[in-house]
Every structure is written in C-alpha cells, then in structure tokens.
Protein backbone atom coordinates (compact mmCIF):
# COMPACT_ATOMS: atom_id res chain seq x y z
CA MET A 1 150.64 195.74 -115.41
CA PRO A 2 152.18 192.60 -113.90
CA ASN A 3 155.21 193.17 -111.68
CA ILE A 4 157.77 190.91 -113.38
CA VAL A 5 161.03 191.22 -111.44
CA LEU A 6 163.02 188.82 -113.63
CA THR A 7 162.61 186.38 -116.49
CA ARG A 8 165.20 183.60 -116.61
CA ILE A 9 165.99 180.91 -119.13
CA ASP A 10 167.09 177.78 -117.32
CA ASN A 11 166.37 174.37 -118.78
CA ARG A 12 166.31 172.93 -115.25
CA LEU A 13 163.48 175.37 -114.36
CA ILE A 14 163.15 175.45 -110.53
CA HIS A 15 166.21 174.00 -108.77
CA GLY A 16 168.69 175.03 -106.08
CA GLN A 17 170.19 178.12 -107.78
CA VAL A 18 166.81 179.47 -108.81
CA ALA A 19 165.29 178.83 -105.40
CA THR A 20 168.05 179.87 -103.04
CA GLN A 21 170.04 182.50 -104.93
CA TRP A 22 167.91 184.13 -107.61
CA CYS A 23 164.56 184.22 -105.84
CA GLY A 24 166.03 185.82 -102.74
CA SER A 25 168.23 188.33 -104.56
CA ILE A 26 165.36 189.69 -106.68
CA GLY A 27 162.76 189.58 -103.90
CA ALA A 28 160.27 187.42 -105.81
CA ASN A 29 157.25 186.00 -103.99
CA LEU A 30 155.88 184.09 -107.00
CA ILE A 31 157.80 181.74 -109.30
CA LEU A 32 155.95 181.22 -112.55
CA VAL A 33 157.21 178.35 -114.69
CA ALA A 34 155.93 179.02 -118.21
CA ASN A 35 156.30 175.67 -119.96
CA ASP A 36 153.78 173.66 -121.96
CA VAL A 37 155.11 170.25 -120.88
CA VAL A 38 155.56 170.97 -117.16
CA ALA A 39 152.10 172.59 -116.97
CA GLU A 40 150.69 169.06 -117.44
CA ASP A 41 153.28 167.13 -115.39
CA LYS A 42 152.21 166.96 -111.74
CA LEU A 43 155.21 164.81 -110.77
CA ARG A 44 157.75 167.38 -112.01
CA GLN A 45 155.71 170.16 -110.42
CA GLY A 46 155.85 168.35 -107.08
CA LEU A 47 159.61 167.92 -107.33
CA MET A 48 160.09 171.59 -108.17
CA ASP A 49 157.76 172.65 -105.34
CA MET A 50 160.16 170.87 -102.96
CA CYS A 51 163.01 173.11 -104.21
CA ALA A 52 161.04 176.36 -104.11
CA PRO A 53 161.56 178.65 -101.10
CA SER A 54 158.70 178.67 -98.58
CA TYR A 55 158.09 182.41 -99.05
CA ALA A 56 157.37 182.06 -102.78
CA ALA A 57 154.24 180.60 -104.37
CA THR A 58 154.67 178.54 -107.53
CA ARG A 59 152.58 178.38 -110.69
CA TYR A 60 153.03 176.05 -113.65
CA TRP A 61 151.30 177.47 -116.70
CA THR A 62 151.41 176.85 -120.42
CA ILE A 63 152.77 179.64 -122.57
CA ASP A 64 149.24 180.48 -123.75
CA LYS A 65 147.84 180.57 -120.21
CA THR A 66 150.68 182.83 -119.13
CA ILE A 67 149.90 185.23 -122.00
CA SER A 68 146.18 185.26 -121.23
CA THR A 69 146.40 185.40 -117.43
CA ILE A 70 149.50 187.34 -116.30
CA HIS A 71 147.83 190.74 -116.76
CA LYS A 72 145.42 189.81 -113.95
CA ALA A 73 148.29 189.60 -111.43
CA SER A 74 148.13 191.68 -108.28
CA ALA A 75 150.71 194.46 -107.93
CA LYS A 76 151.79 192.70 -104.71
CA GLN A 77 152.95 189.70 -106.72
CA LEU A 78 156.64 190.02 -107.48
CA ILE A 79 156.84 187.59 -110.37
CA PHE A 80 159.89 185.55 -111.35
CA ILE A 81 159.21 183.88 -114.72
CA VAL A 82 161.30 180.82 -115.53
CA CYS A 83 161.33 179.39 -119.06
CA GLU A 84 163.16 176.45 -120.55
CA ASN A 85 164.33 178.10 -123.77
CA PRO A 86 164.42 181.40 -125.69
CA SER A 87 161.63 180.37 -128.07
CA ASP A 88 159.20 180.21 -125.15
CA VAL A 89 160.30 183.66 -123.95
CA LEU A 90 159.82 185.01 -127.47
CA ARG A 91 156.28 183.57 -127.57
CA LEU A 92 155.54 185.33 -124.27
CA VAL A 93 156.89 188.68 -125.50
CA GLU A 94 155.08 188.43 -128.84
CA GLY A 95 151.93 187.51 -126.90
CA GLY A 96 152.06 190.75 -124.92
CA VAL A 97 153.81 189.72 -121.69
CA PRO A 98 155.82 192.84 -120.68
CA ILE A 99 159.27 191.27 -120.38
CA LYS A 100 162.02 193.89 -120.48
CA LYS A 101 165.04 191.80 -119.50
CA VAL A 102 165.99 188.14 -119.80
CA ASN A 103 168.62 186.42 -117.71
CA ILE A 104 170.16 183.49 -119.60
CA GLY A 105 171.30 181.07 -116.96
CA ASN A 106 171.52 177.51 -118.13
CA MET A 107 171.07 175.96 -121.53
CA HIS A 108 172.65 172.49 -121.57
CA MET A 109 174.79 171.18 -124.38
CA ALA A 110 172.90 168.78 -126.65
CA GLU A 111 173.05 167.38 -130.17
CA GLY A 112 173.29 170.23 -132.68
CA LYS A 113 174.18 172.88 -130.09
CA ARG A 114 177.42 174.79 -129.62
CA GLN A 115 178.84 176.03 -126.33
CA VAL A 116 178.95 179.86 -126.28
CA ALA A 117 179.42 180.54 -122.57
CA GLY A 118 180.15 178.55 -119.43
CA SER A 119 176.62 177.23 -118.98
CA VAL A 120 175.03 178.21 -122.29
CA ALA A 121 174.83 176.13 -125.47
CA VAL A 122 172.71 177.25 -128.42
CA ASP A 123 171.52 176.08 -131.80
CA ASP A 124 170.35 178.17 -134.77
CA LYS A 125 166.73 178.25 -133.49
CA ASP A 126 167.92 179.63 -130.13
CA VAL A 127 170.06 182.28 -131.84
CA ALA A 128 167.14 183.36 -134.05
CA ALA A 129 164.90 183.71 -130.98
CA PHE A 130 167.55 185.75 -129.14
CA LYS A 131 167.99 188.02 -132.18
CA LYS A 132 164.24 188.60 -132.37
CA LEU A 133 164.05 189.34 -128.61
CA LYS A 134 166.88 191.84 -129.00
CA GLU A 135 165.08 193.47 -131.97
CA LEU A 136 161.96 193.76 -129.79
CA GLY A 137 163.98 195.75 -127.24
CA VAL A 138 164.44 193.01 -124.65
CA GLU A 139 167.71 193.30 -122.74
CA LEU A 140 169.66 190.02 -122.64
CA GLU A 141 172.27 188.98 -120.09
CA ILE A 142 174.22 185.79 -119.50
CA ARG A 143 174.65 185.24 -115.79
CA ARG A 144 174.66 181.95 -113.93
CA VAL A 145 174.11 183.28 -110.41
CA PRO A 146 173.42 186.79 -109.04
CA THR A 147 176.81 187.06 -107.32
CA GLU A 148 178.73 186.60 -110.60
CA GLY A 149 179.25 189.16 -113.31
CA THR A 150 177.61 188.94 -116.71
CA GLU A 151 179.25 187.38 -119.74
CA ASN A 152 179.42 189.06 -123.13
CA ILE A 153 176.04 188.51 -124.78
CA GLU A 154 177.58 188.82 -128.25
CA LYS A 155 179.05 185.32 -127.80
CA ILE A 156 175.61 183.99 -128.67
CA PHE A 157 175.55 185.66 -132.08
CA LYS A 158 178.98 184.55 -133.36
C-alpha cells in the first residue's frame, strides 16, 4: 500500500506554498505531480524542480502511469500527490489509488467558473467530480496553507 500523506488540488502544481509550507508540515519526501500535460513538459518540470525542497524527490507522471505504478512505492516514500483539478483526482481514485483525503488549495477563477472560497473557483464539472469523490468516501477540505483553518466544504455544492 503506498504511503500517501496528502493529495492536494492546486492548479499551480509545485510552487512556493506547496514546497515550503505543505511539504514540510506533512513530512513528505516525494512530490508526485499527477498530470497528463506536465508529464510530457520537461520545461515546466524543470521550473517546478527549482521550487521543490531539496529533501523531496519529484515525479511527473500521467494519471494512467500513477494508477499503474503507485502501488510499487516503497513504504519509506511519504508521497504528496499534487493534481491540477478534481477530475484528475477522481480518475486516480476510480483507478484504485488509495486516496482518503483531498486538500483543495487553489483553483483559479476562469471563464464559466464561480468563486466559492477565497482561492477556489469551480464549474459544474468540478462540482460533479467533488460530489463523486465524496460519494466514494474521500474526505474533502478547503485549506490554502497548513497554518490556516479549513473553510466550509459545502460552499462548493451550493
């Protein structure tokens, strides 16, 4: 069983907050970006590697590779999964990745989205994915950084 210490949705993927605050507070030694586009983009990977803390390895895998490979992880790997959106997390869960809790950190406002929390904007597809995750027993929390409290998750479903 892979030792997943946290799964976070953050459309910026690896950046300052993820690297300095989240990674340290959860004790992760591996940051796994599960994203089909970034898995093929060496330039973005290089930029994110510069942000990652020196004590944590990074991996950039497609959603399918994550599903097929994560169960081979060593128990010593304390895995921090970072996804861009809830649909990708849902694909991971439906594919058998044992995600029990999802931290919703940053989902930028864009065309067709509505702001539901300080740093979270959703559209109908996002809401449907969150509902399905909840039905599958995945705990959801909105929290920007580890030192702040959580926001009411029900904001997403209104």
